[in-house]
Protein backbone atom coordinates (compact mmCIF):
# COMPACT_ATOMS: atom_id res chain seq x y z
CA MET A 1 129.50 172.92 86.50
CA LYS A 2 131.11 169.78 85.29
CA LYS A 3 127.63 168.65 84.36
CA LEU A 4 126.74 172.00 82.44
CA PHE A 5 129.73 171.34 80.45
CA ARG A 6 128.90 168.01 79.56
CA ILE A 7 125.12 168.51 78.94
CA SER A 8 126.70 171.75 76.79
CA VAL A 9 129.42 169.82 74.80
CA ALA A 10 125.94 167.02 74.19
CA LEU A 11 123.86 169.60 72.97
CA THR A 12 126.57 171.51 70.91
CA ILE A 13 127.56 168.38 69.22
CA GLY A 14 123.95 167.46 69.01
CA CYS A 15 122.89 170.47 67.21
CA ALA A 16 125.89 170.35 64.94
CA PHE A 17 124.90 167.00 63.63
CA LEU A 18 121.37 167.76 63.05
CA PHE A 19 122.67 171.19 61.03
CA SER A 20 124.99 169.07 58.81
CA SER A 21 122.20 166.77 58.57
CA CYS A 22 120.09 169.48 57.69
CA SER A 23 122.41 171.09 55.34
CA LYS A 24 123.57 168.17 53.20
CA LYS A 25 119.19 167.40 52.52
CA ALA A 26 119.15 170.71 51.63
CA SER A 27 122.40 171.33 48.95
CA SER A 28 120.81 167.84 47.36
CA GLY A 29 117.69 169.43 45.51
CA SER A 30 114.93 171.80 45.58
CA SER A 31 112.37 169.28 45.75
CA LYS A 32 113.79 168.09 49.45
CA LYS A 33 111.39 168.83 52.72
CA VAL A 34 112.45 171.93 54.52
CA GLN A 35 113.83 170.14 58.06
CA VAL A 36 113.04 171.92 61.18
CA THR A 37 113.07 171.54 64.77
CA PHE A 38 110.88 172.89 67.50
CA ALA A 39 112.52 172.79 70.88
CA GLY A 40 111.49 173.67 74.46
CA THR A 41 112.02 173.16 77.94
CA GLU A 42 108.24 172.85 79.13
CA ALA A 43 106.38 169.71 79.80
CA ALA A 44 104.85 168.37 76.37
CA THR A 45 101.44 168.82 78.20
CA THR A 46 101.66 172.81 78.21
CA GLY A 47 100.04 174.70 75.76
CA GLN A 48 103.69 176.11 74.42
CA SER A 49 104.54 172.60 73.77
CA ARG A 50 101.40 171.67 72.10
CA MET A 51 101.21 174.58 70.09
CA MET A 52 104.49 174.04 68.37
CA GLN A 53 103.35 170.51 67.63
CA ALA A 54 100.43 171.73 66.32
CA VAL A 55 102.37 173.94 64.05
CA ALA A 56 104.70 170.79 63.61
CA ASP A 57 101.59 168.97 62.01
CA LYS A 58 100.51 171.87 59.89
CA LEU A 59 103.27 172.67 58.15
CA ASN A 60 104.32 168.72 58.11
CA ALA A 61 100.83 168.45 56.21
CA THR A 62 101.61 170.48 53.74
CA GLY A 63 104.26 168.12 52.29
CA ARG A 64 106.51 171.04 52.28
CA PHE A 65 108.42 170.69 55.55
CA ASP A 66 109.57 167.82 58.02
CA ALA A 67 109.35 169.40 61.25
CA SER A 68 109.66 167.33 64.86
CA VAL A 69 109.13 168.69 67.94
CA GLN A 70 111.43 167.81 71.26
CA VAL A 71 110.15 169.57 74.51
CA ALA A 72 110.51 168.82 77.76
CA GLY A 73 114.38 169.70 77.91
CA ALA A 74 114.68 166.86 75.79
CA LEU A 75 117.40 168.90 73.77
CA SER A 76 118.34 171.00 76.77
CA GLY A 77 116.47 172.63 80.10
CA ASP A 78 118.57 175.70 78.94
CA THR A 79 116.16 177.93 77.33
CA ASP A 80 119.23 180.14 76.42
CA ALA A 81 121.49 177.54 75.02
CA LEU A 82 118.81 176.81 72.93
CA VAL A 83 118.70 180.04 71.37
CA THR A 84 122.44 180.34 71.35
CA GLN A 85 122.36 177.23 69.15
CA ALA A 86 119.63 178.96 66.78
CA LYS A 87 122.31 181.86 66.66
CA LEU A 88 124.91 179.55 65.37
CA GLY A 89 122.87 178.18 62.48
CA VAL A 90 120.91 175.13 64.10
CA SER A 91 117.50 174.86 62.09
CA LEU A 92 116.02 175.29 65.33
CA VAL A 93 112.59 177.40 65.94
CA VAL A 94 112.89 178.12 70.17
CA PRO A 95 110.04 179.68 72.49
CA SER A 96 112.06 182.13 74.65
CA ASP A 97 110.35 184.90 76.07
CA PRO A 98 110.72 188.99 75.74
CA GLY A 99 112.84 189.60 78.89
CA ARG A 100 115.67 186.91 78.11
CA LEU A 101 116.13 187.95 74.36
CA ALA A 102 116.51 191.38 76.10
CA SER A 103 119.36 190.33 77.66
CA GLN A 104 120.70 187.94 75.69
CA PHE A 105 120.81 190.13 72.62
CA ASN A 106 121.33 193.48 74.74
CA ILE A 107 118.17 195.09 73.80
CA PRO A 108 117.00 196.71 77.12
CA ASP A 109 113.51 198.11 75.39
CA LEU A 110 112.48 194.42 74.80
CA ASN A 111 112.21 193.90 78.69
CA ILE A 112 109.08 196.25 78.25
CA LEU A 113 107.18 193.65 76.99
CA MET A 114 107.49 191.62 80.24
CA SER A 115 108.17 194.10 82.74
CA PRO A 116 106.22 193.74 86.18
CA TYR A 117 102.25 195.08 85.81
CA ILE A 118 103.11 196.71 81.97
CA LEU A 119 101.05 194.57 79.45
CA THR A 120 97.82 192.93 81.19
CA ASP A 121 96.02 192.12 78.25
CA PRO A 122 96.81 188.69 75.99
CA ALA A 123 94.46 190.14 73.41
CA VAL A 124 97.43 192.62 72.80
CA LEU A 125 99.74 190.39 71.36
CA LYS A 126 97.66 189.69 68.30
CA LYS A 127 98.54 193.16 67.26
CA LEU A 128 102.23 192.99 68.40
CA PRO A 129 103.61 191.89 65.24
CA ASP A 130 102.21 194.72 63.18
CA THR A 131 103.66 197.26 65.46
CA GLN A 132 106.79 199.69 64.17
CA LEU A 133 108.35 198.85 67.58
CA PHE A 134 108.39 195.02 66.97
CA LYS A 135 109.94 195.38 63.32
CA GLU A 136 112.65 197.44 64.73
CA TRP A 137 113.38 194.48 67.46
CA GLN A 138 113.26 192.02 64.59
CA GLN A 139 116.09 194.20 62.99
CA GLU A 140 118.05 194.05 65.88
CA LEU A 141 117.99 190.24 66.21
CA GLU A 142 118.26 189.25 62.90
CA LYS A 143 121.31 191.31 62.82
CA GLN A 144 122.80 188.74 65.60
CA GLY A 145 121.31 185.83 63.68
CA ILE A 146 117.80 185.30 65.32
CA VAL A 147 114.79 186.11 63.41
CA TYR A 148 111.93 187.18 65.60
CA ILE A 149 108.65 185.41 64.80
CA THR A 150 105.49 186.32 67.06
CA ASN A 151 105.06 186.12 70.72
CA MET A 152 102.26 184.20 72.49
CA TYR A 153 100.42 184.45 75.46
CA ASN A 154 101.81 181.70 78.19
CA GLY A 155 100.30 182.77 81.58
CA PHE A 156 100.64 184.99 84.46
CA ARG A 157 103.44 184.40 86.68
CA CYS A 158 102.74 183.74 90.54
CA PHE A 159 104.60 182.81 93.69
CA TYR A 160 104.64 179.65 94.50
CA THR A 161 106.23 178.74 97.83
CA THR A 162 106.71 176.75 100.63
CA LYS A 163 105.51 179.19 103.10
CA PRO A 164 102.69 181.24 102.88
CA VAL A 165 102.79 184.71 100.94
CA LYS A 166 100.31 187.13 101.67
CA SER A 167 101.86 190.73 101.44
CA VAL A 168 105.46 192.10 100.28
CA SER A 169 106.92 191.89 103.53
CA ASP A 170 106.14 188.14 103.44
CA LEU A 171 108.82 187.64 100.56
CA SER A 172 111.82 189.10 102.51
CA GLY A 173 114.26 186.85 102.35
CA LEU A 174 113.27 183.78 100.77
CA ARG A 175 115.11 182.12 97.96
CA ILE A 176 113.01 182.04 94.85
CA ARG A 177 114.20 181.06 91.04
CA GLY A 178 112.88 183.70 88.73
CA PHE A 179 114.09 185.13 85.61
CA GLY A 180 118.00 185.33 85.88
CA ASN A 181 117.93 188.61 83.90
CA ALA A 182 117.33 192.15 84.14
CA ILE A 183 113.63 191.85 84.88
CA GLY A 184 113.99 189.17 87.28
CA ASN A 185 116.97 190.99 89.69
CA GLY A 186 113.94 194.24 89.16
CA LEU A 187 111.67 192.70 90.41
CA ALA A 188 113.42 190.91 93.57
CA LYS A 189 115.35 193.92 94.20
CA TYR A 190 111.96 195.60 94.62
CA LEU A 191 109.96 192.79 96.61
CA GLY A 192 113.19 191.71 98.66
CA PHE A 193 113.64 187.77 98.05
CA ALA A 194 116.98 186.65 96.57
CA ASN A 195 116.52 185.83 93.06
CA ILE A 196 118.01 182.38 91.87
CA GLY A 197 118.81 181.85 88.48
CA ILE A 198 118.61 178.33 87.80
CA SER A 199 117.30 176.34 85.01
CA TRP A 200 114.03 175.08 85.09
CA GLY A 201 115.10 171.62 85.48
CA GLU A 202 117.03 172.24 88.48
CA VAL A 203 113.87 173.80 91.07
CA PHE A 204 112.21 170.94 91.84
CA PRO A 205 115.08 169.16 93.38
CA GLY A 206 115.91 172.55 94.64
CA ILE A 207 112.83 173.29 96.56
CA GLN A 208 112.58 169.19 97.57
CA GLN A 209 116.19 169.72 98.75
CA LYS A 210 115.33 173.25 100.60
CA THR A 211 118.01 175.08 98.86
CA LEU A 212 114.95 177.29 97.52
CA ASP A 213 111.84 178.15 98.86
CA GLY A 214 109.90 178.56 95.70
CA CYS A 215 109.55 179.97 92.58
CA GLU A 216 107.53 182.35 90.36
CA VAL A 217 106.25 181.35 87.56
CA GLN A 218 102.88 180.22 85.57
CA VAL A 219 99.84 177.46 86.42
CA ALA A 220 100.39 175.26 83.65
CA THR A 221 103.91 174.92 83.63
CA ALA A 222 103.73 174.21 87.45
CA ASP A 223 101.12 171.89 87.06
CA GLY A 224 103.49 169.82 84.45
CA ALA A 225 106.07 170.09 86.82
CA ARG A 226 103.80 168.42 89.69
CA LEU A 227 105.36 171.58 91.92
CA TYR A 228 102.36 170.63 94.14
CA GLU A 229 104.53 167.81 95.68
CA VAL A 230 107.19 170.33 97.09
CA VAL A 231 105.03 173.77 97.25
CA LYS A 232 101.51 174.11 99.29
CA ASN A 233 101.19 178.12 98.41
CA ILE A 234 100.59 180.14 95.84
CA ALA A 235 100.56 183.52 96.18
CA MET A 236 98.32 185.40 93.34
CA THR A 237 100.33 188.32 92.49
CA ARG A 238 100.09 188.06 88.69
CA HIS A 239 102.89 190.09 88.23
CA TYR A 240 104.37 189.42 84.75
CA MET A 241 102.30 188.43 81.82
CA LEU A 242 104.42 185.54 80.15
CA GLN A 243 104.78 185.70 76.59
CA SER A 244 106.48 182.62 74.45
CA ALA A 245 108.60 184.80 72.05
CA PHE A 246 109.05 182.33 69.18
CA VAL A 247 112.58 182.84 67.82
CA CYS A 248 114.45 180.82 64.75
CA SER A 249 117.62 180.66 63.43
CA ALA A 250 118.53 184.04 60.81
CA ASN A 251 120.36 181.13 58.39
CA PHE A 252 116.89 178.84 58.68
CA TYR A 253 114.51 181.54 57.94
CA ASN A 254 116.53 182.90 54.75
CA SER A 255 117.40 179.60 53.34
CA LEU A 256 113.33 179.14 52.81
CA SER A 257 111.82 180.06 49.88
CA PRO A 258 109.51 183.30 50.08
CA SER A 259 106.31 180.92 49.78
CA ASP A 260 107.47 178.81 52.65
CA ARG A 261 108.64 181.61 54.58
CA ASP A 262 105.40 182.97 54.06
CA LEU A 263 103.32 179.88 55.27
CA PHE A 264 106.10 179.35 58.11
CA VAL A 265 104.90 182.75 59.87
CA LYS A 266 101.38 182.80 59.16
CA THR A 267 101.12 179.31 60.91
CA MET A 268 103.47 180.48 63.59
CA ARG A 269 101.41 183.54 64.14
CA GLU A 270 97.85 181.94 63.78
CA ALA A 271 98.59 179.05 66.41
CA ALA A 272 100.61 181.64 68.60
CA PHE A 273 97.24 183.44 69.03
CA GLU A 274 95.20 180.40 69.28
CA TYR A 275 97.09 178.53 71.65
CA GLY A 276 97.28 181.49 73.75
CA GLU A 277 93.28 181.82 74.19
CA ILE A 278 93.36 177.74 75.25
CA ILE A 279 95.80 178.48 77.73
CA ARG A 280 93.36 181.42 79.03
CA ASN A 281 90.84 179.28 78.96
CA GLU A 282 92.66 176.29 80.54
CA GLU A 283 94.21 177.96 83.48
CA SER A 284 91.15 177.16 85.84
CA SER A 285 91.77 173.85 85.72
CA TYR A 286 95.20 173.95 86.77
CA TYR A 287 94.51 175.78 89.77
CA ASP A 288 91.89 173.40 90.90
CA ASN A 289 94.43 170.27 90.03
CA MET A 290 96.62 172.62 92.30
CA LYS A 291 93.84 173.02 95.26
CA ALA A 292 93.37 169.41 94.79
CA HIS A 293 96.58 168.61 95.77
CA GLY A 294 96.34 170.60 99.08
CA VAL A 295 98.01 173.91 97.66
CA THR A 296 96.57 176.99 98.95
CA ILE A 297 95.82 179.35 96.65
CA THR A 298 95.96 183.53 98.45
CA ASP A 299 94.52 186.34 96.39
CA VAL A 300 96.61 189.19 97.36
CA ASP A 301 96.43 192.70 97.30
CA ILE A 302 97.80 193.36 93.79
CA LEU A 303 98.22 197.50 94.39
CA GLU A 304 100.24 196.71 97.28
CA PHE A 305 102.45 194.99 95.03
CA GLN A 306 102.21 197.50 91.76
CA LYS A 307 102.97 200.29 94.27
CA ALA A 308 106.18 198.04 95.89
CA ILE A 309 107.19 198.08 91.96
CA GLU A 310 106.96 201.78 90.77
CA PRO A 311 110.84 202.63 91.77
CA LEU A 312 111.69 200.29 89.20
CA TYR A 313 110.45 202.26 86.57
CA VAL A 314 110.94 205.98 88.52
CA ASN A 315 114.66 205.03 89.06
CA ASN A 316 114.40 203.70 84.99
CA ASP A 317 116.24 200.59 86.15
CA LEU A 318 115.82 198.86 83.03
CA GLY A 319 116.95 201.35 80.97
CA PHE A 320 113.91 202.22 78.75
CA SER A 321 114.03 204.24 75.96
CA ALA A 322 112.24 208.10 76.67
CA GLY A 323 108.67 207.60 76.13
CA LEU A 324 108.78 203.87 75.26
CA LYS A 325 105.74 202.83 77.08
CA ASP A 326 103.43 205.40 75.86
CA ARG A 327 104.67 204.38 72.56
CA LEU A 328 104.27 201.16 72.45
CA PHE A 329 100.35 201.64 74.04
CA LYS A 330 99.63 203.88 71.08
CA GLU A 331 101.38 201.25 68.51
CA LEU A 332 99.10 198.62 70.11
CA THR A 333 95.75 200.47 69.59
CA GLU A 334 96.31 202.02 66.29
């Protein structure tokens, strides 16, 4: 707890300094470049981190932006803490995910984008920002200090465990690091494992010290964290189509000139689609690397896992609005 408090204080002070510095530069004249920091928790080698670097490079090449990138938890290993700093006015762009945003900002319907076995085709994310649903979520988030920019495919999540998982029953009683939100808790409830909602930076040592039995995560992040050193089993459940939901400070966004704002959004959305495709194409090589390090990959019966999850929707544990799924699919195909 003390360690987390120290990290939180350091983050707050550091981000406050950054915000103060940016504010002073912005007020000194309109010719000054727009300063913004892209901040994430994934390793620099992952598609998400490389996407942010590519966006920063493109923005900087215009001569209108001074964008920097801080990944691998350099500012914080806690995504929610980074989003909170953006909400408070720090000029940050942060890749969160729909489930985190749904819990952090109390917008239950946002959970549908990350719910188990709902979205299964990454191609639909190109259309998502044009839907009325997305625009409504944007409005709700902006009221709370955050601007929702776009979503990027970031891999299907599977179970990485110290013990083999071949069926739903094999998860029973295991301590698995998952999302510490309604989606993560719902998945754990119906698949039978104990959901441990700790920060990503605590996962490797947790498995190493045997306080965790594994985690559920996407392969690029698992490879970047060298999880193959502490887990030797992957169950290919593909239960979430993970999306990086990019958000930024409303203060920062609204301070941009119309032309800079259009450039910023266009660059972000184009890069999100481009790198989503790159991530899809790279996944097989990451799995090959896992195998090369002695990890056993098991193709489970997806229908068994889908059937186990059905009560999540029958009971409406996530509190979805009536007809939400049908409306989402309709707007994505219009």
